[in-house]
Amino acid sequence: MAVHESHVDIEWCRQYVVGLLDTWEGADADQRTRLLTSIFDQIEAAADPERGLLLVGVPKGGWRPFFEYVVAQLQTGASSNLSDVLERLGELARAAGW
């Protein structure tokens, strides 16, 4: 994804993630891995006493501003369908074994 550091198209990113989610069900394991690696460099695991294993996606550089925006929206309580998209993306990463 080609993105200027000073500007990220939030709507384009959201649509890309929504498309990924729509494609997920029909994809095989290899295709799912490629879909996730198009956004994330790696997935890190950490132990959480309350939730068990916590998986955290480390986005590729061009995706970082999008996820920073989403986190800011979540922290300010702004109503957004982006939180649903992120939650579903996390579920998919766990299902893929990331």
N, C-alpha and C. Protein backbone atom coordinates (compact mmCIF):
# COMPACT_ATOMS: atom_id res chain seq x y z
N MET A 1 0.85 -1.18 0.00
CA MET A 1 0.00 0.00 0.00
C MET A 1 0.89 1.23 0.00
N ALA A 2 0.73 2.08 -0.96
CA ALA A 2 1.51 3.30 -1.05
C ALA A 2 0.76 4.42 -0.34
N VAL A 3 1.34 4.91 0.74
CA VAL A 3 0.72 5.98 1.52
C VAL A 3 1.78 6.98 1.89
N HIS A 4 1.47 8.26 1.73
CA HIS A 4 2.39 9.29 2.20
C HIS A 4 2.28 9.34 3.71
N GLU A 5 3.43 9.45 4.40
CA GLU A 5 3.40 9.46 5.86
C GLU A 5 2.53 10.58 6.41
N SER A 6 2.49 11.71 5.73
CA SER A 6 1.73 12.85 6.25
C SER A 6 0.23 12.72 6.01
N HIS A 7 -0.17 11.76 5.17
CA HIS A 7 -1.60 11.63 4.86
C HIS A 7 -1.94 10.17 4.65
N VAL A 8 -2.97 9.72 5.29
CA VAL A 8 -3.47 8.38 5.05
C VAL A 8 -4.97 8.50 4.76
N ASP A 9 -5.42 7.77 3.78
CA ASP A 9 -6.82 7.80 3.41
C ASP A 9 -7.57 6.79 4.28
N ILE A 10 -8.16 7.29 5.35
CA ILE A 10 -8.83 6.45 6.34
C ILE A 10 -9.95 5.64 5.68
N GLU A 11 -10.72 6.27 4.82
CA GLU A 11 -11.83 5.56 4.18
C GLU A 11 -11.32 4.45 3.27
N TRP A 12 -10.23 4.71 2.52
CA TRP A 12 -9.67 3.67 1.67
C TRP A 12 -9.22 2.49 2.52
N CYS A 13 -8.54 2.75 3.62
CA CYS A 13 -8.08 1.69 4.51
C CYS A 13 -9.26 0.90 5.07
N ARG A 14 -10.29 1.62 5.49
CA ARG A 14 -11.48 0.94 6.04
C ARG A 14 -12.10 0.03 4.99
N GLN A 15 -12.23 0.54 3.76
CA GLN A 15 -12.81 -0.26 2.68
C GLN A 15 -11.94 -1.49 2.37
N TYR A 16 -10.63 -1.31 2.44
CA TYR A 16 -9.71 -2.43 2.20
C TYR A 16 -9.93 -3.52 3.24
N VAL A 17 -10.03 -3.12 4.51
CA VAL A 17 -10.23 -4.08 5.59
C VAL A 17 -11.60 -4.75 5.45
N VAL A 18 -12.62 -3.98 5.11
CA VAL A 18 -13.95 -4.56 4.91
C VAL A 18 -13.90 -5.58 3.76
N GLY A 19 -13.19 -5.26 2.69
CA GLY A 19 -13.04 -6.20 1.58
C GLY A 19 -12.31 -7.46 2.01
N LEU A 20 -11.29 -7.28 2.83
CA LEU A 20 -10.56 -8.43 3.36
C LEU A 20 -11.50 -9.33 4.16
N LEU A 21 -12.32 -8.72 4.99
CA LEU A 21 -13.26 -9.49 5.81
C LEU A 21 -14.27 -10.23 4.93
N ASP A 22 -14.72 -9.59 3.85
CA ASP A 22 -15.67 -10.21 2.94
C ASP A 22 -15.03 -11.39 2.20
N THR A 23 -13.76 -11.29 1.90
CA THR A 23 -13.03 -12.31 1.16
C THR A 23 -12.64 -13.50 2.05
N TRP A 24 -12.52 -13.25 3.33
CA TRP A 24 -11.97 -14.22 4.28
C TRP A 24 -12.64 -15.58 4.24
N GLU A 25 -13.96 -15.62 4.27
CA GLU A 25 -14.68 -16.89 4.38
C GLU A 25 -14.39 -17.83 3.22
N GLY A 26 -14.20 -17.30 2.03
CA GLY A 26 -13.95 -18.14 0.87
C GLY A 26 -12.49 -18.44 0.62
N ALA A 27 -11.62 -17.92 1.45
CA ALA A 27 -10.18 -18.07 1.24
C ALA A 27 -9.65 -19.33 1.93
N ASP A 28 -8.61 -19.92 1.32
CA ASP A 28 -7.94 -21.05 1.98
C ASP A 28 -6.88 -20.50 2.93
N ALA A 29 -6.18 -21.37 3.65
CA ALA A 29 -5.22 -20.94 4.67
C ALA A 29 -4.12 -20.06 4.09
N ASP A 30 -3.61 -20.42 2.91
CA ASP A 30 -2.54 -19.63 2.29
C ASP A 30 -3.04 -18.25 1.90
N GLN A 31 -4.23 -18.19 1.34
CA GLN A 31 -4.81 -16.90 0.96
C GLN A 31 -5.07 -16.04 2.19
N ARG A 32 -5.51 -16.65 3.28
CA ARG A 32 -5.75 -15.90 4.51
C ARG A 32 -4.46 -15.32 5.05
N THR A 33 -3.40 -16.09 4.98
CA THR A 33 -2.10 -15.58 5.43
C THR A 33 -1.69 -14.39 4.59
N ARG A 34 -1.86 -14.48 3.27
CA ARG A 34 -1.51 -13.36 2.39
C ARG A 34 -2.36 -12.12 2.68
N LEU A 35 -3.65 -12.34 2.96
CA LEU A 35 -4.52 -11.21 3.30
C LEU A 35 -4.02 -10.50 4.55
N LEU A 36 -3.69 -11.26 5.58
CA LEU A 36 -3.23 -10.64 6.82
C LEU A 36 -1.86 -9.99 6.66
N THR A 37 -0.96 -10.62 5.89
CA THR A 37 0.37 -10.04 5.72
C THR A 37 0.35 -8.82 4.81
N SER A 38 -0.77 -8.57 4.13
CA SER A 38 -0.86 -7.34 3.34
C SER A 38 -1.01 -6.12 4.26
N ILE A 39 -1.41 -6.35 5.50
CA ILE A 39 -1.60 -5.27 6.46
C ILE A 39 -0.59 -5.31 7.60
N PHE A 40 -0.25 -6.51 8.07
CA PHE A 40 0.59 -6.65 9.26
C PHE A 40 1.96 -7.21 8.93
N ASP A 41 3.00 -6.65 9.60
CA ASP A 41 4.35 -7.19 9.49
C ASP A 41 4.48 -8.47 10.31
N GLN A 42 3.87 -8.46 11.48
CA GLN A 42 3.95 -9.61 12.37
C GLN A 42 2.84 -9.55 13.40
N ILE A 43 2.65 -10.65 14.07
CA ILE A 43 1.71 -10.73 15.17
C ILE A 43 2.52 -11.11 16.41
N GLU A 44 2.39 -10.33 17.46
CA GLU A 44 3.10 -10.61 18.71
C GLU A 44 2.13 -11.18 19.72
N ALA A 45 2.62 -12.10 20.53
CA ALA A 45 1.79 -12.74 21.56
C ALA A 45 2.28 -12.30 22.93
N ALA A 46 1.32 -12.10 23.83
CA ALA A 46 1.63 -11.74 25.21
C ALA A 46 0.63 -12.43 26.12
N ALA A 47 1.08 -12.78 27.33
CA ALA A 47 0.18 -13.39 28.31
C ALA A 47 -0.59 -12.29 29.02
N ASP A 48 -1.89 -12.48 29.12
CA ASP A 48 -2.75 -11.55 29.84
C ASP A 48 -3.45 -12.34 30.93
N PRO A 49 -3.25 -11.95 32.21
CA PRO A 49 -3.83 -12.73 33.31
C PRO A 49 -5.34 -12.88 33.23
N GLU A 50 -6.04 -11.90 32.68
CA GLU A 50 -7.49 -11.94 32.62
C GLU A 50 -8.03 -12.58 31.34
N ARG A 51 -7.31 -12.40 30.24
CA ARG A 51 -7.83 -12.85 28.95
C ARG A 51 -7.05 -14.02 28.34
N GLY A 52 -6.01 -14.46 29.00
CA GLY A 52 -5.19 -15.55 28.45
C GLY A 52 -4.20 -15.00 27.44
N LEU A 53 -4.05 -15.69 26.33
CA LEU A 53 -3.12 -15.28 25.29
C LEU A 53 -3.68 -14.09 24.53
N LEU A 54 -2.91 -13.02 24.45
CA LEU A 54 -3.31 -11.82 23.75
C LEU A 54 -2.43 -11.68 22.51
N LEU A 55 -3.06 -11.60 21.35
CA LEU A 55 -2.33 -11.43 20.10
C LEU A 55 -2.45 -9.99 19.63
N VAL A 56 -1.32 -9.41 19.29
CA VAL A 56 -1.29 -8.01 18.87
C VAL A 56 -0.65 -7.94 17.49
N GLY A 57 -1.40 -7.38 16.54
CA GLY A 57 -0.87 -7.21 15.20
C GLY A 57 0.00 -5.97 15.12
N VAL A 58 1.15 -6.11 14.48
CA VAL A 58 2.04 -4.97 14.24
C VAL A 58 1.86 -4.57 12.79
N PRO A 59 1.18 -3.44 12.55
CA PRO A 59 0.87 -3.06 11.17
C PRO A 59 2.10 -2.63 10.39
N LYS A 60 2.04 -2.85 9.08
CA LYS A 60 3.08 -2.33 8.19
C LYS A 60 3.06 -0.80 8.31
N GLY A 61 4.18 -0.19 8.00
CA GLY A 61 4.34 1.26 8.18
C GLY A 61 3.23 2.10 7.61
N GLY A 62 2.78 1.81 6.40
CA GLY A 62 1.73 2.60 5.76
C GLY A 62 0.38 2.47 6.44
N TRP A 63 0.19 1.39 7.19
CA TRP A 63 -1.07 1.16 7.89
C TRP A 63 -1.09 1.77 9.28
N ARG A 64 0.05 2.12 9.80
CA ARG A 64 0.13 2.63 11.17
C ARG A 64 -0.80 3.83 11.42
N PRO A 65 -0.82 4.84 10.53
CA PRO A 65 -1.71 5.99 10.78
C PRO A 65 -3.19 5.59 10.84
N PHE A 66 -3.59 4.60 10.06
CA PHE A 66 -4.98 4.13 10.10
C PHE A 66 -5.29 3.55 11.47
N PHE A 67 -4.43 2.69 11.97
CA PHE A 67 -4.69 2.08 13.27
C PHE A 67 -4.57 3.09 14.41
N GLU A 68 -3.69 4.08 14.27
CA GLU A 68 -3.62 5.15 15.27
C GLU A 68 -4.93 5.93 15.30
N TYR A 69 -5.49 6.18 14.13
CA TYR A 69 -6.79 6.87 14.04
C TYR A 69 -7.88 6.04 14.72
N VAL A 70 -7.90 4.74 14.43
CA VAL A 70 -8.92 3.87 15.02
C VAL A 70 -8.80 3.85 16.54
N VAL A 71 -7.57 3.72 17.03
CA VAL A 71 -7.36 3.71 18.49
C VAL A 71 -7.81 5.03 19.10
N ALA A 72 -7.49 6.14 18.45
CA ALA A 72 -7.93 7.45 18.96
C ALA A 72 -9.46 7.52 19.00
N GLN A 73 -10.11 6.99 17.98
CA GLN A 73 -11.58 6.97 17.96
C GLN A 73 -12.12 6.15 19.12
N LEU A 74 -11.51 5.01 19.37
CA LEU A 74 -11.97 4.15 20.46
C LEU A 74 -11.74 4.80 21.82
N GLN A 75 -10.60 5.47 21.99
CA GLN A 75 -10.27 6.09 23.28
C GLN A 75 -11.14 7.30 23.58
N THR A 76 -11.59 7.99 22.55
CA THR A 76 -12.42 9.17 22.77
C THR A 76 -13.90 8.82 22.82
N GLY A 77 -14.21 7.55 22.60
CA GLY A 77 -15.60 7.12 22.63
C GLY A 77 -16.39 7.53 21.41
N ALA A 78 -15.69 7.92 20.36
CA ALA A 78 -16.38 8.31 19.13
C ALA A 78 -17.08 7.09 18.55
N SER A 79 -18.29 7.27 18.13
CA SER A 79 -19.05 6.18 17.54
C SER A 79 -18.49 5.89 16.16
N SER A 80 -18.09 4.64 15.96
CA SER A 80 -17.49 4.30 14.69
C SER A 80 -17.66 2.82 14.41
N ASN A 81 -17.91 2.49 13.15
CA ASN A 81 -17.96 1.08 12.79
C ASN A 81 -16.56 0.50 12.65
N LEU A 82 -15.54 1.33 12.80
CA LEU A 82 -14.17 0.84 12.72
C LEU A 82 -13.85 -0.12 13.86
N SER A 83 -14.45 0.08 15.03
CA SER A 83 -14.18 -0.82 16.15
C SER A 83 -14.70 -2.22 15.83
N ASP A 84 -15.84 -2.32 15.15
CA ASP A 84 -16.35 -3.63 14.75
C ASP A 84 -15.41 -4.29 13.74
N VAL A 85 -14.89 -3.50 12.83
CA VAL A 85 -13.95 -4.02 11.84
C VAL A 85 -12.70 -4.54 12.53
N LEU A 86 -12.16 -3.79 13.47
CA LEU A 86 -10.96 -4.22 14.18
C LEU A 86 -11.21 -5.48 14.99
N GLU A 87 -12.34 -5.55 15.66
CA GLU A 87 -12.65 -6.73 16.44
C GLU A 87 -12.71 -7.96 15.55
N ARG A 88 -13.36 -7.83 14.41
CA ARG A 88 -13.46 -8.96 13.47
C ARG A 88 -12.10 -9.34 12.92
N LEU A 89 -11.26 -8.35 12.64
CA LEU A 89 -9.91 -8.61 12.14
C LEU A 89 -9.11 -9.39 13.17
N GLY A 90 -9.26 -9.04 14.44
CA GLY A 90 -8.59 -9.79 15.51
C GLY A 90 -9.05 -11.23 15.57
N GLU A 91 -10.35 -11.45 15.41
CA GLU A 91 -10.89 -12.80 15.39
C GLU A 91 -10.29 -13.61 14.24
N LEU A 92 -10.17 -12.98 13.09
CA LEU A 92 -9.62 -13.67 11.92
C LEU A 92 -8.17 -14.01 12.13
N ALA A 93 -7.41 -13.11 12.72
CA ALA A 93 -5.99 -13.38 12.98
C ALA A 93 -5.84 -14.56 13.93
N ARG A 94 -6.68 -14.61 14.96
CA ARG A 94 -6.62 -15.74 15.90
C ARG A 94 -6.99 -17.04 15.19
N ALA A 95 -8.00 -16.98 14.33
CA ALA A 95 -8.42 -18.17 13.61
C ALA A 95 -7.33 -18.67 12.65
N ALA A 96 -6.54 -17.75 12.14
CA ALA A 96 -5.46 -18.12 11.22
C ALA A 96 -4.23 -18.64 11.96
N GLY A 97 -4.29 -18.59 13.29
CA GLY A 97 -3.16 -19.07 14.08
C GLY A 97 -2.08 -18.03 14.30
N TRP A 98 -2.43 -16.76 14.10
CA TRP A 98 -1.45 -15.70 14.31
C TRP A 98 -1.42 -15.36 15.75
